């Protein structure tokens, strides 16, 4: 009867799962790194960061650009000065167009910019008087230098250097985060499967015990209370099995989605029951984290950005000056070739000053706000840095402890399983009562749960420490992940 009942419960799930994939933990993690949506997202994020770095660095190189004005039309009434000094308003139409090439170079350390320009423009006028004129600028060299002001290029360069330094490590950290998350879900599925198997066994055992109890009750060997207790245990076991089956199905589908597998795929996992043996020095683990974990560098970035905002606020509310100088040649003519002959010098030099005088306290408030924000950032960054250091230290200590606990839990599971077998046999021959049997069964279930949970804790802690330090403590080498183009 029980086999028919189990088959009826399993049939919908088995019918859904046409394909079965076998995974060890290593195989599962490798598959996730290569195929999961999370890995593709990490790869896209890495490429986005890389392209932002390329774009910024390219922006510091000479930039060549073309500007052109498609011929436009202007129709208006303009004042025309007469011989007697009076003005007469006459309609006039103009066609105009221009084009040019400019080569610019930014100087990050100075915040300045050098530009070389060459261009030509033409105006055709109709109305009061018809004429055409070309204006050429064969070459114009310009230089712009801010004084006393906030140098955004310099500060952004500092930020970009840190970003470039940790870009690869950020990708490696994201991949290790995937490994940690996959290991958690891997063991969630294994635990769900073993819970299902264990609950199925419990139903079978309790079914048998209930049948035996009914026989003993009929001959008066046990009281009705024992019979009801046995029946209740059987019903509870059936309910536990149905819950375990539903949980198993849901966890498997979620895990398949996490791995990027198709729907209706059955996954069988084979966990590593033998864990590697190694000793982790917490000081060494912290050293590796400080060297490799990009989060520590991100705290430096936060502090640098807060200082940058403060300097910008101070600059915006202080004396600012700009020096602009240019030198070149130009000419005009109604013939294009003539506009490039007998060129005239074109020179310009000016200094502009800007000094806020009275803004009803706006400037002081902006500076004070930026200063307090800098203090807040430094306090939070130092706090988070200390918390992260503590996390690394105790992850290392916890992992050393878990190695011993897994071994103890495995022995406890073996002992509890053996004790349960003995309890079954003794109950069959009437050597122990029902309460003693249920105690053995509960201890068996508890020891089994403790063992597989300890396995999960060890492997997730192991991958978490790898993520925090970007160091492989088994192979004793730095962790590097690259993208296969």
Protein backbone atom coordinates (compact mmCIF):
# COMPACT_ATOMS: atom_id res chain seq x y z
CA UNK A 1 0.00 0.00 0.00
CA UNK A 2 2.76 2.40 0.89
CA UNK A 3 4.58 1.85 -2.42
CA UNK A 4 1.40 2.69 -4.33
CA UNK A 5 0.94 5.81 -2.24
CA UNK A 6 4.57 6.93 -2.83
CA UNK A 7 4.31 6.29 -6.57
CA UNK A 8 1.14 8.37 -6.77
CA UNK A 9 2.88 11.28 -5.09
CA UNK A 10 6.01 11.00 -7.19
CA UNK A 11 4.33 10.55 -10.57
CA UNK A 12 3.57 14.24 -11.36
CA UNK A 13 7.10 15.26 -10.52
CA UNK A 14 8.76 12.41 -12.39
CA UNK A 15 6.59 13.01 -15.43
CA UNK A 16 7.73 16.63 -15.45
CA UNK A 17 11.41 15.75 -15.26
CA UNK A 18 12.27 14.22 -18.60
CA UNK A 19 16.01 14.94 -18.50
CA UNK A 20 18.38 14.20 -15.64
CA UNK A 21 21.74 15.92 -15.10
CA UNK A 22 24.30 14.59 -12.65
CA UNK A 23 26.42 17.20 -10.87
CA UNK A 24 29.27 17.09 -8.40
CA UNK A 25 29.89 20.34 -6.53
CA UNK A 26 32.89 21.24 -8.71
CA UNK A 27 31.00 20.43 -11.92
CA UNK A 28 28.03 22.46 -10.77
CA UNK A 29 30.15 25.51 -9.97
CA UNK A 30 32.01 25.26 -13.31
CA UNK A 31 28.70 25.04 -15.15
CA UNK A 32 27.37 28.08 -13.28
CA UNK A 33 30.50 30.12 -14.02
CA UNK A 34 30.19 29.34 -17.73
CA UNK A 35 26.43 29.35 -18.27
CA UNK A 36 24.42 30.89 -15.44
CA UNK A 37 22.60 34.23 -15.80
CA UNK A 38 24.62 35.52 -12.85
CA UNK A 39 27.92 34.79 -14.60
CA UNK A 40 26.70 36.51 -17.77
CA UNK A 41 25.66 39.51 -15.68
CA UNK A 42 29.11 39.58 -14.04
CA UNK A 43 30.76 39.40 -17.46
CA UNK A 44 28.61 42.27 -18.76
CA UNK A 45 29.45 44.35 -15.68
CA UNK A 46 33.17 43.67 -16.19
CA UNK A 47 33.01 44.70 -19.85
CA UNK A 48 31.04 47.83 -18.94
CA UNK A 49 33.69 48.84 -16.37
CA UNK A 50 36.46 48.09 -18.86
CA UNK A 51 34.86 50.20 -21.57
CA UNK A 52 34.34 53.08 -19.14
CA UNK A 53 38.05 52.95 -18.32
CA UNK A 54 38.94 52.83 -22.01
CA UNK A 55 36.62 55.76 -22.72
CA UNK A 56 38.16 57.86 -19.95
CA UNK A 57 41.76 57.09 -20.93
CA UNK A 58 40.94 57.72 -24.57
CA UNK A 59 39.49 61.08 -23.57
CA UNK A 60 42.96 62.08 -22.34
CA UNK A 61 44.42 61.41 -25.78
CA UNK A 62 44.28 63.97 -28.64
CA UNK A 63 40.73 64.32 -29.95
CA UNK A 64 40.08 65.12 -33.60
CA UNK A 65 36.62 66.38 -34.53
CA UNK A 66 34.85 67.78 -37.54
CA UNK A 67 32.32 70.59 -37.28
CA UNK A 68 30.06 71.64 -40.11
CA UNK A 69 27.11 73.95 -40.52
CA UNK A 70 24.73 72.94 -43.27
CA UNK A 71 23.97 76.05 -45.35
CA UNK A 72 21.35 78.07 -43.55
CA UNK A 73 19.07 80.93 -44.55
CA UNK A 74 18.58 84.23 -42.77
CA UNK A 75 15.98 86.82 -43.86
CA UNK A 76 15.68 90.03 -41.85
CA UNK A 77 15.49 93.79 -42.02
CA UNK A 78 18.83 95.37 -41.20
CA UNK A 79 19.84 99.01 -40.55
CA UNK A 80 21.88 100.55 -43.40
CA UNK A 81 23.80 103.77 -42.68
CA UNK A 82 23.24 106.45 -45.32
CA UNK A 83 25.81 109.03 -46.53
CA UNK A 84 24.18 111.71 -44.39
CA UNK A 85 24.54 109.57 -41.28
CA UNK A 86 20.96 108.50 -41.04
CA UNK A 87 19.87 104.84 -41.00
CA UNK A 88 17.55 103.22 -43.45
CA UNK A 89 16.09 99.79 -42.75
CA UNK A 90 16.30 97.44 -45.71
CA UNK A 91 15.44 93.75 -46.14
CA UNK A 92 18.32 91.38 -46.76
CA UNK A 93 18.70 87.61 -47.14
CA UNK A 94 21.78 85.53 -46.41
CA UNK A 95 22.90 81.98 -47.09
CA UNK A 96 25.70 80.86 -44.81
CA UNK A 97 27.71 77.74 -44.09
CA UNK A 98 30.93 76.73 -42.37
CA UNK A 99 33.15 73.75 -41.64
CA UNK A 100 36.32 73.00 -39.74
CA UNK A 101 38.63 70.49 -38.11
CA UNK A 102 39.81 70.78 -34.52
CA UNK A 103 42.47 68.79 -32.67
CA UNK A 104 42.35 69.14 -28.88
CA UNK A 105 44.47 67.79 -26.06
CA UNK A 106 43.57 67.89 -22.37
CA UNK A 107 46.37 68.16 -19.80
CA UNK A 108 45.13 66.36 -16.69
CA UNK A 109 47.75 67.63 -14.23
CA UNK A 110 46.98 71.29 -15.10
CA UNK A 111 43.32 71.00 -16.02
CA UNK A 112 44.08 72.92 -19.20
CA UNK A 113 43.36 72.29 -22.86
CA UNK A 114 45.23 72.98 -26.09
CA UNK A 115 43.28 73.19 -29.37
CA UNK A 116 44.41 73.49 -32.98
CA UNK A 117 41.67 74.59 -35.37
CA UNK A 118 41.39 74.99 -39.13
CA UNK A 119 38.18 76.06 -40.85
CA UNK A 120 36.40 77.98 -43.56
CA UNK A 121 33.03 79.75 -43.83
CA UNK A 122 31.03 81.42 -46.65
CA UNK A 123 28.26 84.02 -46.70
CA UNK A 124 26.04 84.82 -49.70
CA UNK A 125 23.95 87.98 -49.28
CA UNK A 126 20.93 89.00 -51.42
CA UNK A 127 18.73 92.07 -51.25
CA UNK A 128 20.03 95.61 -50.86
CA UNK A 129 23.41 94.50 -52.19
CA UNK A 130 24.45 91.13 -53.50
CA UNK A 131 27.83 89.72 -52.50
CA UNK A 132 29.65 86.53 -51.59
CA UNK A 133 32.56 86.28 -49.20
CA UNK A 134 34.84 83.54 -47.93
CA UNK A 135 36.45 83.63 -44.49
CA UNK A 136 39.31 81.23 -43.84
CA UNK A 137 41.24 80.28 -40.73
CA UNK A 138 44.05 78.00 -41.91
CA UNK A 139 45.34 77.55 -38.38
CA UNK A 140 44.40 78.78 -34.93
CA UNK A 141 46.13 77.54 -31.79
CA UNK A 142 44.23 78.11 -28.54
CA UNK A 143 45.15 77.48 -24.93
CA UNK A 144 42.81 77.61 -21.94
CA UNK A 145 44.16 77.46 -18.39
CA UNK A 146 41.92 77.63 -15.29
CA UNK A 147 43.49 79.18 -12.18
CA UNK A 148 42.54 78.53 -8.54
CA UNK A 149 39.64 76.35 -9.68
CA UNK A 150 38.66 72.73 -9.17
CA UNK A 151 40.55 70.43 -11.54
CA UNK A 152 37.96 67.76 -12.37
CA UNK A 153 40.29 65.89 -14.76
CA UNK A 154 42.94 65.44 -12.09
CA UNK A 155 40.50 64.07 -9.52
CA UNK A 156 38.74 61.81 -11.99
CA UNK A 157 42.14 60.43 -13.05
CA UNK A 158 42.83 59.42 -9.44
CA UNK A 159 39.49 57.63 -9.23
CA UNK A 160 40.04 55.90 -12.57
CA UNK A 161 43.45 54.61 -11.48
CA UNK A 162 41.86 52.84 -8.52
CA UNK A 163 39.06 51.52 -10.73
CA UNK A 164 41.58 50.19 -13.23
CA UNK A 165 43.59 48.57 -10.44
CA UNK A 166 40.64 46.59 -9.06
CA UNK A 167 38.64 45.88 -12.21
CA UNK A 168 39.91 42.30 -12.61
CA UNK A 169 39.58 41.66 -8.88
CA UNK A 170 35.98 42.89 -8.90
CA UNK A 171 35.19 40.35 -11.60
CA UNK A 172 36.97 37.60 -9.66
CA UNK A 173 35.04 38.56 -6.53
CA UNK A 174 31.74 38.41 -8.42
CA UNK A 175 32.60 34.94 -9.77
CA UNK A 176 33.54 33.73 -6.28
CA UNK A 177 30.26 35.15 -5.02
CA UNK A 178 28.50 33.01 -7.64
CA UNK A 179 30.49 29.97 -6.43
CA UNK A 180 29.42 30.63 -2.85
CA UNK A 181 25.76 31.10 -3.78
CA UNK A 182 25.77 27.98 -6.00
CA UNK A 183 27.32 25.92 -3.21
CA UNK A 184 24.53 27.04 -0.88
CA UNK A 185 21.82 26.10 -3.37
CA UNK A 186 23.65 22.87 -4.23
CA UNK A 187 23.44 21.75 -0.62
CA UNK A 188 19.90 23.07 -0.29
CA UNK A 189 18.96 20.66 -3.08
CA UNK A 190 20.96 17.84 -1.53
CA UNK A 191 19.36 18.45 1.86
CA UNK A 192 15.90 18.56 0.26
CA UNK A 193 16.59 15.29 -1.56
CA UNK A 194 17.89 13.56 1.58
CA UNK A 195 14.95 14.91 3.57
CA UNK A 196 12.67 13.41 0.95
CA UNK A 197 14.50 10.10 1.10
CA UNK A 198 14.54 10.11 4.88
CA UNK A 199 10.84 10.99 5.10
CA UNK A 200 10.06 8.21 2.61
CA UNK A 201 11.94 5.74 4.80
CA UNK A 202 10.15 7.04 7.88
CA UNK A 203 6.78 6.50 6.20
CA UNK A 204 7.73 2.93 5.33
CA UNK A 205 9.00 2.19 8.81
CA UNK A 206 6.02 3.80 10.54
CA UNK A 207 3.65 1.99 8.18
CA UNK A 208 5.19 -1.30 9.21
CA UNK A 209 5.12 -0.34 12.87
CA UNK A 210 1.49 0.68 12.64
CA UNK A 211 0.63 -2.69 11.05
CA UNK A 212 2.52 -4.51 13.82
CA UNK A 213 0.86 -2.35 16.48
CA UNK A 214 -2.60 -3.19 15.13
CA UNK A 215 -1.80 -6.88 15.37
CA UNK A 216 -0.48 -6.58 18.89
CA UNK A 217 -3.47 -4.50 19.94
CA UNK A 218 -5.85 -7.13 18.59
CA UNK A 219 -4.23 -9.78 20.76
CA UNK A 220 -4.08 -7.46 23.76
CA UNK A 221 -0.29 -7.07 23.93
CA UNK A 222 -0.35 -3.24 23.79
CA UNK A 223 -2.75 -0.59 25.01
CA UNK A 224 -4.95 1.50 22.72
CA UNK A 225 -2.81 4.55 23.55
CA UNK A 226 0.23 2.89 21.96
CA UNK A 227 -1.82 2.00 18.90
CA UNK A 228 -3.02 5.60 18.51
CA UNK A 229 0.51 6.87 19.00
CA UNK A 230 1.73 4.56 16.26
CA UNK A 231 -1.07 5.64 13.90
CA UNK A 232 -0.40 9.31 14.59
CA UNK A 233 3.31 8.81 13.86
CA UNK A 234 2.41 7.18 10.55
CA UNK A 235 0.09 10.06 9.54
CA UNK A 236 2.68 12.66 10.56
CA UNK A 237 5.31 10.82 8.53
CA UNK A 238 3.04 10.92 5.46
CA UNK A 239 2.48 14.64 5.89
CA UNK A 240 6.22 15.20 6.32
CA UNK A 241 6.85 13.26 3.11
CA UNK A 242 4.38 15.37 1.11
CA UNK A 243 6.00 18.58 2.39
CA UNK A 244 9.46 17.23 1.60
CA UNK A 245 8.40 16.30 -1.94
CA UNK A 246 6.98 19.76 -2.61
CA UNK A 247 10.06 21.46 -1.15
CA UNK A 248 12.32 19.26 -3.24
CA UNK A 249 10.46 20.11 -6.44
CA UNK A 250 10.54 23.86 -5.77
CA UNK A 251 14.21 23.93 -4.79
CA UNK A 252 15.17 21.92 -7.88
CA UNK A 253 13.32 24.27 -10.24
CA UNK A 254 14.86 27.34 -8.60
CA UNK A 255 18.30 25.77 -8.76
CA UNK A 256 17.87 24.91 -12.45
CA UNK A 257 16.94 28.53 -13.15
CA UNK A 258 19.98 29.73 -11.21
CA UNK A 259 22.20 27.46 -13.32
CA UNK A 260 20.63 28.60 -16.57
CA UNK A 261 19.18 25.17 -17.34
CA UNK A 262 15.98 24.51 -19.22
CA UNK A 263 12.72 23.91 -17.43
CA UNK A 264 11.62 20.38 -16.51
CA UNK A 265 15.20 19.23 -15.93
CA UNK A 266 15.93 16.92 -13.02
CA UNK A 267 19.19 17.53 -11.18
CA UNK A 268 20.96 14.88 -9.14
CA UNK A 269 23.76 16.22 -6.96
CA UNK A 270 26.61 14.27 -5.42
CA UNK A 271 28.19 16.32 -2.65
CA UNK A 272 31.82 15.91 -1.56
CA UNK A 273 31.41 13.94 1.66
CA UNK A 274 35.17 14.05 2.29
CA UNK A 275 36.32 17.58 2.98
CA UNK A 276 39.86 18.84 2.36
CA UNK A 277 42.10 19.14 5.38
CA UNK A 278 44.13 22.33 5.77
CA UNK A 279 44.85 24.88 8.43
CA UNK A 280 44.12 28.56 7.83
CA UNK A 281 46.06 31.26 9.62
CA UNK A 282 43.69 34.16 10.25
CA UNK A 283 46.48 36.75 9.95
CA UNK A 284 47.45 35.39 6.55
CA UNK A 285 43.80 35.35 5.48
CA UNK A 286 43.46 39.01 6.51
CA UNK A 287 46.63 39.89 4.62
CA UNK A 288 45.25 38.29 1.45
CA UNK A 289 41.94 40.12 1.89
CA UNK A 290 43.68 43.48 2.27
CA UNK A 291 45.69 42.80 -0.89
CA UNK A 292 42.97 41.30 -3.06
CA UNK A 293 39.48 42.22 -1.89
CA UNK A 294 38.25 45.14 -4.06
CA UNK A 295 35.91 46.29 -1.30
CA UNK A 296 38.86 47.70 0.66
CA UNK A 297 39.86 49.77 -2.38
CA UNK A 298 36.26 50.90 -2.80
CA UNK A 299 36.44 52.38 0.70
CA UNK A 300 39.44 54.41 -0.49
CA UNK A 301 37.42 55.48 -3.52
CA UNK A 302 34.57 56.66 -1.29
CA UNK A 303 36.98 58.76 0.78
CA UNK A 304 38.63 60.21 -2.32
CA UNK A 305 35.27 61.08 -3.86
CA UNK A 306 34.18 62.83 -0.65
CA UNK A 307 37.41 64.86 -0.65
CA UNK A 308 36.85 65.67 -4.33
CA UNK A 309 33.36 67.00 -3.58
CA UNK A 310 34.77 69.16 -0.78
CA UNK A 311 37.43 70.66 -3.04
CA UNK A 312 34.81 71.35 -5.69
CA UNK A 313 32.57 73.14 -3.18
CA UNK A 314 35.51 75.25 -1.96
CA UNK A 315 36.47 76.09 -5.54
CA UNK A 316 32.94 77.06 -6.55
CA UNK A 317 32.76 79.53 -3.68
CA UNK A 318 36.21 81.08 -4.04
CA UNK A 319 38.17 83.09 -6.58
CA UNK A 320 38.24 81.50 -10.04
CA UNK A 321 40.17 82.72 -13.05
CA UNK A 322 40.62 81.54 -16.61
CA UNK A 323 43.43 82.45 -18.96
CA UNK A 324 42.63 82.13 -22.66
CA UNK A 325 45.19 82.73 -25.37
CA UNK A 326 45.07 82.07 -29.08
CA UNK A 327 47.25 82.74 -32.10
CA UNK A 328 46.65 82.03 -35.77
CA UNK A 329 46.04 83.36 -39.24
CA UNK A 330 42.90 84.27 -41.17
CA UNK A 331 41.71 86.22 -44.20
CA UNK A 332 38.62 87.04 -46.26
CA UNK A 333 37.96 87.23 -50.01
CA UNK A 334 35.23 86.74 -52.52
CA UNK A 335 37.47 84.07 -54.13
CA UNK A 336 38.32 81.01 -52.08
CA UNK A 337 41.94 80.74 -53.30
CA UNK A 338 42.58 84.38 -52.48
CA UNK A 339 41.25 83.87 -48.94
CA UNK A 340 44.33 81.67 -48.30
CA UNK A 341 46.81 84.27 -49.56
CA UNK A 342 48.38 87.17 -47.69
CA UNK A 343 47.05 85.87 -44.37
CA UNK A 344 46.59 88.22 -41.46
CA UNK A 345 47.58 87.40 -37.89
CA UNK A 346 44.82 86.61 -35.45
CA UNK A 347 45.71 86.98 -31.76
CA UNK A 348 43.78 87.01 -28.54
CA UNK A 349 44.60 86.97 -24.84
CA UNK A 350 42.27 87.50 -21.93
CA UNK A 351 41.85 86.71 -18.26
CA UNK A 352 38.42 86.32 -16.75
CA UNK A 353 37.82 86.46 -13.01
CA UNK A 354 34.89 85.28 -10.96
CA UNK A 355 34.52 85.87 -7.24
CA UNK A 356 31.24 85.33 -5.37
CA UNK A 357 30.59 88.34 -3.15
CA UNK A 358 27.32 87.74 -1.31
CA UNK A 359 25.08 84.68 -1.64
CA UNK A 360 23.14 84.76 1.67
CA UNK A 361 25.34 82.00 3.13
CA UNK A 362 24.93 79.60 0.19
CA UNK A 363 28.68 79.11 -0.30
CA UNK A 364 29.47 78.50 3.37
CA UNK A 365 26.57 76.05 3.62
CA UNK A 366 27.77 74.09 0.59
CA UNK A 367 31.31 73.85 1.98
CA UNK A 368 30.06 72.85 5.42
CA UNK A 369 27.78 70.21 3.89
CA UNK A 370 30.65 68.75 1.85
CA UNK A 371 32.89 68.77 4.94
CA UNK A 372 30.34 66.93 7.06
CA UNK A 373 29.74 64.46 4.23
CA UNK A 374 33.48 63.81 4.10
CA UNK A 375 33.51 63.13 7.85
CA UNK A 376 30.53 60.79 7.51
CA UNK A 377 32.18 58.92 4.64
CA UNK A 378 35.44 58.49 6.56
CA UNK A 379 33.63 57.23 9.67
CA UNK A 380 31.47 54.77 7.71
CA UNK A 381 34.36 53.58 5.55
CA UNK A 382 36.59 52.95 8.56
CA UNK A 383 33.74 51.16 10.34
CA UNK A 384 32.93 48.96 7.34
CA UNK A 385 36.63 48.24 6.86
CA UNK A 386 36.94 47.09 10.47
CA UNK A 387 33.79 44.96 10.19
CA UNK A 388 35.12 43.36 7.02
CA UNK A 389 38.47 42.62 8.67
CA UNK A 390 36.65 40.98 11.59
CA UNK A 391 34.52 38.98 9.17
CA UNK A 392 37.62 37.66 7.38
CA UNK A 393 39.31 36.76 10.66
CA UNK A 394 36.37 34.83 12.06
CA UNK A 395 35.54 33.19 8.73
CA UNK A 396 39.04 31.70 8.86
CA UNK A 397 38.62 30.60 12.47
CA UNK A 398 35.14 29.23 11.78
CA UNK A 399 36.39 27.22 8.82
CA UNK A 400 39.09 25.61 10.96
CA UNK A 401 36.41 24.76 13.51
CA UNK A 402 33.99 23.39 10.92
CA UNK A 403 36.56 20.87 9.70
CA UNK A 404 36.47 19.23 13.12
CA UNK A 405 32.71 19.58 13.48
CA UNK A 406 32.04 17.85 10.14
CA UNK A 407 34.07 14.86 11.29
CA UNK A 408 32.21 14.69 14.60
CA UNK A 409 28.82 15.11 12.91
CA UNK A 410 29.63 12.29 10.47
CA UNK A 411 30.44 9.94 13.36
CA UNK A 412 27.29 11.00 15.21
CA UNK A 413 25.20 10.32 12.10
CA UNK A 414 26.71 6.83 11.74
CA UNK A 415 26.09 6.04 15.41
CA UNK A 416 22.51 7.36 15.34
CA UNK A 417 21.71 5.40 12.16
CA UNK A 418 23.10 2.20 13.69
CA UNK A 419 21.19 2.79 16.92
CA UNK A 420 18.00 3.25 14.92
CA UNK A 421 18.53 -0.08 13.14
CA UNK A 422 19.00 -1.75 16.49
CA UNK A 423 15.86 -0.05 17.83
CA UNK A 424 13.78 -1.29 14.88
CA UNK A 425 14.91 -4.87 15.34
CA UNK A 426 14.37 -4.75 19.09
CA UNK A 427 10.89 -3.31 18.65
CA UNK A 428 10.02 -6.01 16.12
CA UNK A 429 10.79 -8.67 18.72
CA UNK A 430 9.13 -6.70 21.51
CA UNK A 431 12.30 -5.84 23.46
CA UNK A 432 11.62 -2.06 23.64
CA UNK A 433 8.50 0.03 23.83
CA UNK A 434 7.21 2.48 21.21
CA UNK A 435 8.54 5.57 22.99
CA UNK A 436 12.07 4.22 22.97
CA UNK A 437 11.75 3.52 19.26
CA UNK A 438 10.53 7.04 18.49
CA UNK A 439 13.38 8.51 20.52
CA UNK A 440 15.87 6.56 18.41
CA UNK A 441 14.11 7.62 15.23
CA UNK A 442 14.16 11.31 16.22
CA UNK A 443 17.82 11.10 17.18
CA UNK A 444 18.59 9.50 13.85
CA UNK A 445 16.80 12.28 11.98
CA UNK A 446 18.43 14.97 14.10
CA UNK A 447 21.94 13.55 13.65
CA UNK A 448 21.43 13.27 9.91
CA UNK A 449 20.17 16.86 9.65
CA UNK A 450 23.09 18.08 11.73
CA UNK A 451 25.58 16.26 9.51
CA UNK A 452 24.35 17.55 6.17
CA UNK A 453 23.86 21.06 7.56
CA UNK A 454 27.46 20.92 8.81
CA UNK A 455 28.61 19.90 5.34
CA UNK A 456 26.73 22.82 3.85
CA UNK A 457 28.19 25.21 6.44
CA UNK A 458 31.73 24.05 5.69
CA UNK A 459 31.54 24.44 1.91
CA UNK A 460 29.67 27.73 1.94
CA UNK A 461 32.13 29.11 4.50
CA UNK A 462 35.01 27.86 2.38
CA UNK A 463 33.74 29.62 -0.73
CA UNK A 464 32.86 32.71 1.29
CA UNK A 465 36.45 32.93 2.56
CA UNK A 466 37.69 32.50 -1.02
CA UNK A 467 35.42 35.38 -2.03
CA UNK A 468 36.69 37.60 0.78
CA UNK A 469 40.38 36.89 0.19
CA UNK A 470 40.50 35.87 -3.50
CA UNK A 471 42.88 33.15 -2.37
CA UNK A 472 42.63 29.37 -2.84
CA UNK A 473 43.70 27.85 0.47
CA UNK A 474 43.72 24.31 -0.95
CA UNK A 475 45.99 25.06 -3.93
CA UNK A 476 47.69 27.90 -2.02
CA UNK A 477 47.51 30.40 -4.87
CA UNK A 478 45.80 33.63 -5.86
CA UNK A 479 42.39 33.32 -7.50
CA UNK A 480 42.22 34.77 -11.00
CA UNK A 481 39.20 34.59 -13.31
CA UNK A 482 39.37 35.67 -16.93
CA UNK A 483 36.73 36.10 -19.61
CA UNK A 484 37.01 33.90 -22.68
CA UNK A 485 36.31 36.19 -25.59
